[in-house]
N, C-alpha and C. Protein backbone atom coordinates (compact mmCIF):
# COMPACT_ATOMS: atom_id res chain seq x y z
N MET A 1 81.45 78.32 76.02
CA MET A 1 82.13 79.59 76.20
C MET A 1 81.14 80.66 76.68
N ASN A 2 79.94 80.68 76.10
CA ASN A 2 78.94 81.66 76.48
C ASN A 2 78.51 81.46 77.96
N ARG A 3 78.40 80.20 78.36
CA ARG A 3 78.03 79.89 79.75
C ARG A 3 79.13 80.37 80.71
N LEU A 4 80.41 80.21 80.33
CA LEU A 4 81.49 80.66 81.16
C LEU A 4 81.46 82.19 81.32
N ALA A 5 81.18 82.89 80.23
CA ALA A 5 81.08 84.36 80.29
C ALA A 5 79.92 84.78 81.21
N SER A 6 78.82 84.06 81.13
CA SER A 6 77.67 84.35 81.94
C SER A 6 77.98 84.12 83.43
N LEU A 7 78.67 83.01 83.74
CA LEU A 7 79.07 82.72 85.12
C LEU A 7 80.04 83.76 85.65
N THR A 8 80.97 84.18 84.80
CA THR A 8 81.93 85.22 85.20
C THR A 8 81.20 86.51 85.52
N LYS A 9 80.27 86.93 84.67
CA LYS A 9 79.51 88.14 84.93
C LYS A 9 78.71 88.03 86.22
N SER A 10 78.14 86.87 86.46
CA SER A 10 77.38 86.65 87.69
C SER A 10 78.26 86.76 88.91
N ALA A 11 79.45 86.16 88.83
CA ALA A 11 80.39 86.21 89.95
C ALA A 11 80.82 87.66 90.23
N ILE A 12 81.07 88.39 89.18
CA ILE A 12 81.47 89.81 89.35
C ILE A 12 80.34 90.60 89.98
N ALA A 13 79.11 90.39 89.52
CA ALA A 13 77.97 91.11 90.08
C ALA A 13 77.78 90.79 91.56
N THR A 14 77.96 89.52 91.91
CA THR A 14 77.83 89.12 93.32
C THR A 14 78.91 89.77 94.17
N THR A 15 80.13 89.77 93.67
CA THR A 15 81.22 90.39 94.39
C THR A 15 80.97 91.87 94.61
N LEU A 16 80.51 92.54 93.57
CA LEU A 16 80.19 93.97 93.68
C LEU A 16 79.06 94.23 94.69
N ALA A 17 78.07 93.37 94.68
CA ALA A 17 76.97 93.52 95.62
C ALA A 17 77.45 93.40 97.06
N PHE A 18 78.31 92.42 97.33
CA PHE A 18 78.85 92.25 98.67
C PHE A 18 79.73 93.42 99.07
N ALA A 19 80.46 93.96 98.11
CA ALA A 19 81.31 95.12 98.38
C ALA A 19 80.47 96.33 98.77
N VAL A 20 79.35 96.53 98.08
CA VAL A 20 78.46 97.65 98.38
C VAL A 20 77.85 97.45 99.77
N ILE A 21 77.42 96.26 100.07
CA ILE A 21 76.84 95.98 101.39
C ILE A 21 77.88 96.22 102.47
N ALA A 22 79.08 95.73 102.29
CA ALA A 22 80.14 95.90 103.29
C ALA A 22 80.45 97.37 103.47
N TRP A 23 80.48 98.15 102.39
CA TRP A 23 80.77 99.58 102.48
C TRP A 23 79.69 100.27 103.32
N HIS A 24 78.42 99.95 103.09
CA HIS A 24 77.36 100.60 103.82
C HIS A 24 77.39 100.25 105.31
N VAL A 25 77.72 99.01 105.62
CA VAL A 25 77.86 98.61 107.02
C VAL A 25 78.98 99.38 107.68
N THR A 26 80.12 99.45 107.00
CA THR A 26 81.26 100.15 107.54
C THR A 26 80.98 101.65 107.67
N ALA A 27 80.32 102.23 106.68
CA ALA A 27 80.08 103.65 106.66
C ALA A 27 79.02 104.09 107.68
N SER A 28 78.17 103.19 108.13
CA SER A 28 77.11 103.57 109.06
C SER A 28 77.52 103.33 110.51
N ALA A 29 78.73 102.90 110.76
CA ALA A 29 79.19 102.64 112.12
C ALA A 29 79.25 103.96 112.91
N GLU A 30 79.10 103.84 114.22
CA GLU A 30 79.19 105.00 115.09
C GLU A 30 80.66 105.44 115.20
N PRO A 31 80.89 106.74 115.39
CA PRO A 31 82.27 107.21 115.58
C PRO A 31 82.92 106.53 116.77
N THR A 32 84.19 106.21 116.61
CA THR A 32 84.91 105.56 117.71
C THR A 32 85.80 106.56 118.46
N ALA A 33 85.85 107.80 117.99
CA ALA A 33 86.60 108.85 118.66
C ALA A 33 85.66 110.02 118.94
N THR A 34 85.84 110.62 120.09
CA THR A 34 85.03 111.79 120.44
C THR A 34 85.44 112.97 119.59
N TRP A 35 84.46 113.66 119.05
CA TRP A 35 84.71 114.78 118.15
C TRP A 35 85.49 115.90 118.85
N GLU A 36 86.58 116.27 118.25
CA GLU A 36 87.40 117.41 118.70
C GLU A 36 87.66 118.29 117.47
N GLN A 37 86.92 119.38 117.36
CA GLN A 37 86.96 120.22 116.18
C GLN A 37 88.38 120.62 115.82
N ALA A 38 89.16 121.10 116.77
CA ALA A 38 90.51 121.58 116.47
C ALA A 38 91.41 120.44 116.00
N ARG A 39 91.29 119.27 116.64
CA ARG A 39 92.14 118.14 116.27
C ARG A 39 91.77 117.64 114.85
N VAL A 40 90.47 117.49 114.60
CA VAL A 40 90.03 117.00 113.29
C VAL A 40 90.42 118.00 112.20
N THR A 41 90.26 119.29 112.48
CA THR A 41 90.64 120.30 111.50
C THR A 41 92.13 120.22 111.20
N GLY A 42 92.95 120.06 112.24
CA GLY A 42 94.41 119.95 112.05
C GLY A 42 94.77 118.74 111.20
N ILE A 43 94.13 117.60 111.47
CA ILE A 43 94.41 116.40 110.66
C ILE A 43 93.98 116.63 109.20
N ALA A 44 92.83 117.24 109.01
CA ALA A 44 92.33 117.52 107.64
C ALA A 44 93.27 118.46 106.90
N GLU A 45 93.78 119.47 107.58
CA GLU A 45 94.70 120.41 106.94
C GLU A 45 95.99 119.68 106.53
N ASN A 46 96.50 118.84 107.42
CA ASN A 46 97.70 118.06 107.10
C ASN A 46 97.43 117.06 105.97
N LEU A 47 96.21 116.51 105.96
CA LEU A 47 95.81 115.60 104.89
C LEU A 47 95.82 116.30 103.53
N ALA A 48 95.26 117.50 103.49
CA ALA A 48 95.23 118.28 102.24
C ALA A 48 96.65 118.61 101.78
N LYS A 49 97.52 118.97 102.71
CA LYS A 49 98.92 119.26 102.36
C LYS A 49 99.61 118.02 101.83
N ALA A 50 99.34 116.87 102.46
CA ALA A 50 99.96 115.63 102.01
C ALA A 50 99.50 115.26 100.60
N VAL A 51 98.26 115.47 100.30
CA VAL A 51 97.74 115.18 98.96
C VAL A 51 98.32 116.16 97.96
N ASP A 52 98.45 117.43 98.32
CA ASP A 52 99.09 118.39 97.42
C ASP A 52 100.51 117.95 97.08
N THR A 53 101.26 117.54 98.08
CA THR A 53 102.63 117.07 97.87
C THR A 53 102.62 115.81 97.00
N LEU A 54 101.73 114.89 97.30
CA LEU A 54 101.63 113.66 96.53
C LEU A 54 101.35 113.99 95.06
N TYR A 55 100.40 114.86 94.82
CA TYR A 55 100.07 115.24 93.46
C TYR A 55 101.27 115.85 92.74
N ASP A 56 101.95 116.78 93.40
CA ASP A 56 103.11 117.43 92.79
C ASP A 56 104.21 116.42 92.49
N LEU A 57 104.45 115.50 93.43
CA LEU A 57 105.50 114.50 93.22
C LEU A 57 105.18 113.60 92.01
N GLU A 58 103.94 113.13 91.94
CA GLU A 58 103.56 112.23 90.85
C GLU A 58 103.50 112.97 89.52
N TYR A 59 103.03 114.20 89.55
CA TYR A 59 102.92 114.98 88.32
C TYR A 59 104.31 115.26 87.74
N LYS A 60 105.29 115.51 88.61
CA LYS A 60 106.62 115.85 88.16
C LYS A 60 107.55 114.65 88.01
N ALA A 61 107.07 113.47 88.45
CA ALA A 61 107.91 112.25 88.39
C ALA A 61 108.12 111.82 86.95
N PRO A 62 109.17 111.03 86.72
CA PRO A 62 109.34 110.46 85.38
C PRO A 62 108.06 109.71 85.00
N GLN A 63 107.78 109.63 83.74
CA GLN A 63 106.55 109.00 83.26
C GLN A 63 106.35 107.64 83.92
N ALA A 64 105.23 107.50 84.62
CA ALA A 64 104.91 106.22 85.24
C ALA A 64 104.50 105.23 84.17
N PHE A 65 104.69 103.96 84.43
CA PHE A 65 104.29 102.95 83.46
C PHE A 65 103.80 101.73 84.21
N THR A 66 103.08 100.89 83.50
CA THR A 66 102.58 99.67 84.10
C THR A 66 103.46 98.53 83.71
N SER A 67 103.48 97.53 84.56
CA SER A 67 104.26 96.35 84.21
C SER A 67 103.30 95.21 83.88
N GLY A 68 103.38 94.73 82.65
CA GLY A 68 102.60 93.58 82.26
C GLY A 68 101.11 93.77 82.22
N PHE A 69 100.63 94.98 82.02
CA PHE A 69 99.18 95.20 81.97
C PHE A 69 98.85 95.96 80.71
N ALA A 70 97.99 95.39 79.89
CA ALA A 70 97.61 96.05 78.64
C ALA A 70 96.85 97.35 78.93
N GLY A 71 97.14 98.37 78.17
CA GLY A 71 96.45 99.65 78.38
C GLY A 71 96.99 100.41 79.57
N GLY A 72 98.27 100.24 79.89
CA GLY A 72 98.88 100.82 81.06
C GLY A 72 98.76 102.34 81.15
N GLY A 73 98.83 103.02 80.02
CA GLY A 73 98.71 104.47 80.04
C GLY A 73 97.34 104.87 80.60
N ASN A 74 96.31 104.10 80.32
CA ASN A 74 94.99 104.40 80.85
C ASN A 74 94.96 104.31 82.37
N ALA A 75 95.65 103.34 82.95
CA ALA A 75 95.68 103.20 84.41
C ALA A 75 96.32 104.45 85.02
N HIS A 76 97.39 104.93 84.42
CA HIS A 76 98.03 106.13 84.95
C HIS A 76 97.12 107.35 84.80
N HIS A 77 96.43 107.44 83.68
CA HIS A 77 95.49 108.54 83.48
C HIS A 77 94.39 108.51 84.55
N GLU A 78 93.82 107.34 84.79
CA GLU A 78 92.77 107.20 85.80
C GLU A 78 93.30 107.51 87.18
N PHE A 79 94.53 107.05 87.46
CA PHE A 79 95.14 107.35 88.74
C PHE A 79 95.27 108.87 88.96
N MET A 80 95.78 109.57 87.94
CA MET A 80 95.95 111.02 88.05
C MET A 80 94.61 111.73 88.16
N ASP A 81 93.59 111.23 87.49
CA ASP A 81 92.26 111.82 87.59
C ASP A 81 91.74 111.69 89.02
N ARG A 82 91.86 110.52 89.62
CA ARG A 82 91.41 110.31 91.01
C ARG A 82 92.24 111.15 91.97
N LEU A 83 93.53 111.27 91.71
CA LEU A 83 94.41 112.04 92.57
C LEU A 83 94.01 113.54 92.51
N ARG A 84 93.70 114.04 91.32
CA ARG A 84 93.27 115.42 91.16
C ARG A 84 91.97 115.64 91.93
N ARG A 85 91.04 114.70 91.83
CA ARG A 85 89.77 114.79 92.55
C ARG A 85 89.97 114.71 94.05
N LEU A 86 90.91 113.85 94.47
CA LEU A 86 91.24 113.72 95.90
C LEU A 86 91.79 115.03 96.42
N ARG A 87 92.62 115.66 95.64
CA ARG A 87 93.22 116.96 96.01
C ARG A 87 92.10 117.98 96.24
N HIS A 88 91.16 118.03 95.35
CA HIS A 88 90.02 118.95 95.51
C HIS A 88 89.24 118.64 96.76
N GLU A 89 88.94 117.37 96.98
CA GLU A 89 88.09 116.96 98.10
C GLU A 89 88.76 117.19 99.45
N THR A 90 90.05 116.92 99.55
CA THR A 90 90.74 117.15 100.82
C THR A 90 90.85 118.64 101.14
N ARG A 91 91.04 119.45 100.11
CA ARG A 91 91.07 120.91 100.31
C ARG A 91 89.68 121.38 100.79
N HIS A 92 88.65 120.87 100.17
CA HIS A 92 87.27 121.24 100.56
C HIS A 92 86.99 120.84 102.01
N LEU A 93 87.40 119.64 102.39
CA LEU A 93 87.20 119.17 103.76
C LEU A 93 87.91 120.06 104.75
N ALA A 94 89.18 120.35 104.49
CA ALA A 94 89.95 121.21 105.41
C ALA A 94 89.32 122.60 105.53
N SER A 95 88.89 123.16 104.42
CA SER A 95 88.27 124.48 104.42
C SER A 95 86.96 124.46 105.21
N SER A 96 86.15 123.45 104.98
CA SER A 96 84.87 123.34 105.69
C SER A 96 85.07 123.22 107.19
N LEU A 97 86.01 122.37 107.59
CA LEU A 97 86.28 122.20 109.03
C LEU A 97 86.85 123.48 109.63
N GLU A 98 87.70 124.17 108.90
CA GLU A 98 88.27 125.43 109.35
C GLU A 98 87.15 126.46 109.64
N LYS A 99 86.10 126.38 108.86
CA LYS A 99 84.96 127.30 109.04
C LYS A 99 83.98 126.81 110.12
N GLY A 100 84.30 125.68 110.75
CA GLY A 100 83.50 125.18 111.86
C GLY A 100 82.47 124.12 111.53
N ALA A 101 82.54 123.54 110.33
CA ALA A 101 81.61 122.49 109.93
C ALA A 101 81.70 121.27 110.87
N SER A 102 80.57 120.64 111.10
CA SER A 102 80.50 119.50 112.00
C SER A 102 80.86 118.18 111.30
N ALA A 103 80.89 117.13 112.10
CA ALA A 103 81.14 115.79 111.56
C ALA A 103 80.01 115.42 110.59
N ARG A 104 78.82 115.74 110.96
CA ARG A 104 77.66 115.40 110.08
C ARG A 104 77.77 116.13 108.75
N ALA A 105 78.17 117.39 108.80
CA ALA A 105 78.24 118.20 107.58
C ALA A 105 79.39 117.79 106.66
N THR A 106 80.42 117.18 107.23
CA THR A 106 81.61 116.82 106.42
C THR A 106 81.72 115.32 106.16
N ARG A 107 80.79 114.55 106.67
CA ARG A 107 80.86 113.08 106.51
C ARG A 107 80.87 112.68 105.02
N GLY A 108 80.11 113.35 104.18
CA GLY A 108 80.10 113.04 102.75
C GLY A 108 81.47 113.24 102.11
N SER A 109 82.17 114.29 102.50
CA SER A 109 83.51 114.49 101.96
C SER A 109 84.46 113.39 102.37
N VAL A 110 84.36 112.95 103.61
CA VAL A 110 85.26 111.89 104.10
C VAL A 110 84.94 110.57 103.40
N ARG A 111 83.66 110.29 103.18
CA ARG A 111 83.31 109.09 102.43
C ARG A 111 83.84 109.16 101.00
N HIS A 112 83.75 110.32 100.38
CA HIS A 112 84.26 110.48 99.03
C HIS A 112 85.77 110.30 99.01
N ILE A 113 86.46 110.83 100.00
CA ILE A 113 87.91 110.64 100.11
C ILE A 113 88.24 109.16 100.22
N LYS A 114 87.44 108.44 100.99
CA LYS A 114 87.68 106.99 101.14
C LYS A 114 87.50 106.29 99.79
N GLU A 115 86.45 106.64 99.05
CA GLU A 115 86.23 106.03 97.74
C GLU A 115 87.38 106.33 96.78
N LEU A 116 87.82 107.58 96.79
CA LEU A 116 88.95 107.95 95.91
C LEU A 116 90.23 107.24 96.31
N ASN A 117 90.45 107.08 97.62
CA ASN A 117 91.63 106.37 98.08
C ASN A 117 91.57 104.91 97.62
N ASP A 118 90.39 104.30 97.70
CA ASP A 118 90.25 102.92 97.24
C ASP A 118 90.54 102.83 95.73
N ASP A 119 90.04 103.80 94.96
CA ASP A 119 90.32 103.81 93.52
C ASP A 119 91.80 103.98 93.25
N LEU A 120 92.45 104.88 94.01
CA LEU A 120 93.90 105.09 93.82
C LEU A 120 94.67 103.80 94.07
N ALA A 121 94.28 103.08 95.10
CA ALA A 121 94.95 101.82 95.40
C ALA A 121 94.76 100.83 94.26
N GLN A 122 93.57 100.79 93.70
CA GLN A 122 93.29 99.84 92.61
C GLN A 122 94.15 100.19 91.40
N TYR A 123 94.14 101.44 90.97
CA TYR A 123 94.95 101.83 89.81
C TYR A 123 96.43 101.81 90.12
N GLY A 124 96.77 102.12 91.34
CA GLY A 124 98.17 102.14 91.73
C GLY A 124 98.85 100.78 91.66
N ARG A 125 98.04 99.71 91.81
CA ARG A 125 98.61 98.37 91.70
C ARG A 125 99.11 98.06 90.28
N MET A 126 98.62 98.83 89.31
CA MET A 126 99.00 98.62 87.91
C MET A 126 100.14 99.51 87.45
N ILE A 127 100.60 100.36 88.34
CA ILE A 127 101.59 101.37 87.98
C ILE A 127 102.83 101.22 88.84
N GLU A 128 103.96 101.46 88.25
CA GLU A 128 105.21 101.44 89.01
C GLU A 128 105.58 102.87 89.35
N PHE A 129 105.75 103.12 90.65
CA PHE A 129 106.04 104.48 91.12
C PHE A 129 107.47 104.60 91.63
N VAL A 130 107.94 105.85 91.67
CA VAL A 130 109.24 106.13 92.28
C VAL A 130 109.01 106.22 93.79
N ASN A 131 110.06 105.95 94.58
CA ASN A 131 109.94 105.90 96.04
C ASN A 131 109.35 107.15 96.71
N PRO A 132 109.73 108.36 96.31
CA PRO A 132 109.12 109.51 97.00
C PRO A 132 107.60 109.52 96.88
N VAL A 133 107.08 109.06 95.77
CA VAL A 133 105.61 109.04 95.58
C VAL A 133 105.02 107.99 96.53
N LEU A 134 105.64 106.83 96.60
CA LEU A 134 105.13 105.78 97.49
C LEU A 134 105.16 106.22 98.96
N ASN A 135 106.26 106.86 99.36
CA ASN A 135 106.37 107.36 100.72
C ASN A 135 105.32 108.40 101.05
N GLN A 136 105.05 109.29 100.11
CA GLN A 136 104.03 110.33 100.33
C GLN A 136 102.64 109.72 100.35
N PHE A 137 102.40 108.70 99.53
CA PHE A 137 101.11 108.04 99.57
C PHE A 137 100.89 107.38 100.93
N ALA A 138 101.94 106.80 101.48
CA ALA A 138 101.87 106.18 102.81
C ALA A 138 101.57 107.26 103.88
N ALA A 139 102.17 108.42 103.74
CA ALA A 139 101.91 109.51 104.68
C ALA A 139 100.45 109.97 104.60
N PHE A 140 99.93 110.08 103.38
CA PHE A 140 98.52 110.41 103.22
C PHE A 140 97.62 109.37 103.89
N GLU A 141 97.89 108.09 103.64
CA GLU A 141 97.04 107.05 104.21
C GLU A 141 97.12 107.03 105.73
N ASP A 142 98.28 107.33 106.30
CA ASP A 142 98.42 107.40 107.74
C ASP A 142 97.54 108.52 108.31
N LEU A 143 97.56 109.67 107.70
CA LEU A 143 96.72 110.78 108.14
C LEU A 143 95.23 110.44 107.97
N PHE A 144 94.89 109.77 106.89
CA PHE A 144 93.49 109.41 106.68
C PHE A 144 93.04 108.41 107.75
N ARG A 145 93.91 107.48 108.12
CA ARG A 145 93.57 106.53 109.20
C ARG A 145 93.34 107.25 110.52
N GLN A 146 94.03 108.36 110.74
CA GLN A 146 93.81 109.16 111.96
C GLN A 146 92.46 109.89 111.94
N LEU A 147 91.97 110.19 110.76
CA LEU A 147 90.74 110.94 110.60
C LEU A 147 89.49 110.08 110.69
N THR A 148 89.56 108.87 110.17
CA THR A 148 88.36 108.03 110.03
C THR A 148 87.64 107.68 111.34
N PRO A 149 88.32 107.50 112.46
CA PRO A 149 87.58 107.18 113.68
C PRO A 149 86.58 108.27 114.10
N TYR A 150 86.84 109.51 113.71
CA TYR A 150 85.94 110.61 114.06
C TYR A 150 84.64 110.55 113.24
N TYR A 151 84.66 109.72 112.20
CA TYR A 151 83.50 109.62 111.31
C TYR A 151 82.87 108.22 111.35
N GLY A 152 83.40 107.34 112.18
CA GLY A 152 82.85 105.99 112.25
C GLY A 152 83.16 105.15 111.04
N LEU A 153 84.26 105.48 110.34
CA LEU A 153 84.67 104.75 109.15
C LEU A 153 85.97 104.01 109.40
N GLU A 154 86.17 102.97 108.64
CA GLU A 154 87.45 102.29 108.63
C GLU A 154 88.18 102.67 107.37
N ALA A 155 89.46 102.95 107.49
CA ALA A 155 90.25 103.35 106.32
C ALA A 155 90.71 102.15 105.51
N LYS A 156 90.52 100.95 106.04
CA LYS A 156 90.98 99.75 105.34
C LYS A 156 90.17 99.51 104.09
N ARG A 157 90.87 98.95 103.07
CA ARG A 157 90.22 98.58 101.82
C ARG A 157 89.80 97.14 101.90
């Protein structure tokens, strides 16, 4: 039993190491879209609005619950925490771009948005949502996919 636990820990550590390596490779790619300040700013503003709407929809939705997962309330708490942080980060990105910040100056915010989006997807798999929330999450992800080529990132998880 102890050997099995050790092998499981080793497999998890290896998987995490490969995930970190893959993230750095993806994050260091060159931009695939030519920088257009006005276009990127518009996308970021729409992204922030989409996250605001998503947050409001989920916050006001009937209590979310998990299906068949122990500690389900914790998954929803973590989801809402990441969503609140995503809301802050997308607002910050839109504000920075509005003030004329460059791709280099805002790259950290976009990377953080990607990490939060990945976390939301992970916790979201454990939660059952109402359709308006799912539709708004899809709208957010569509806008984020439009933004990532300007930063040399892939929005895929």
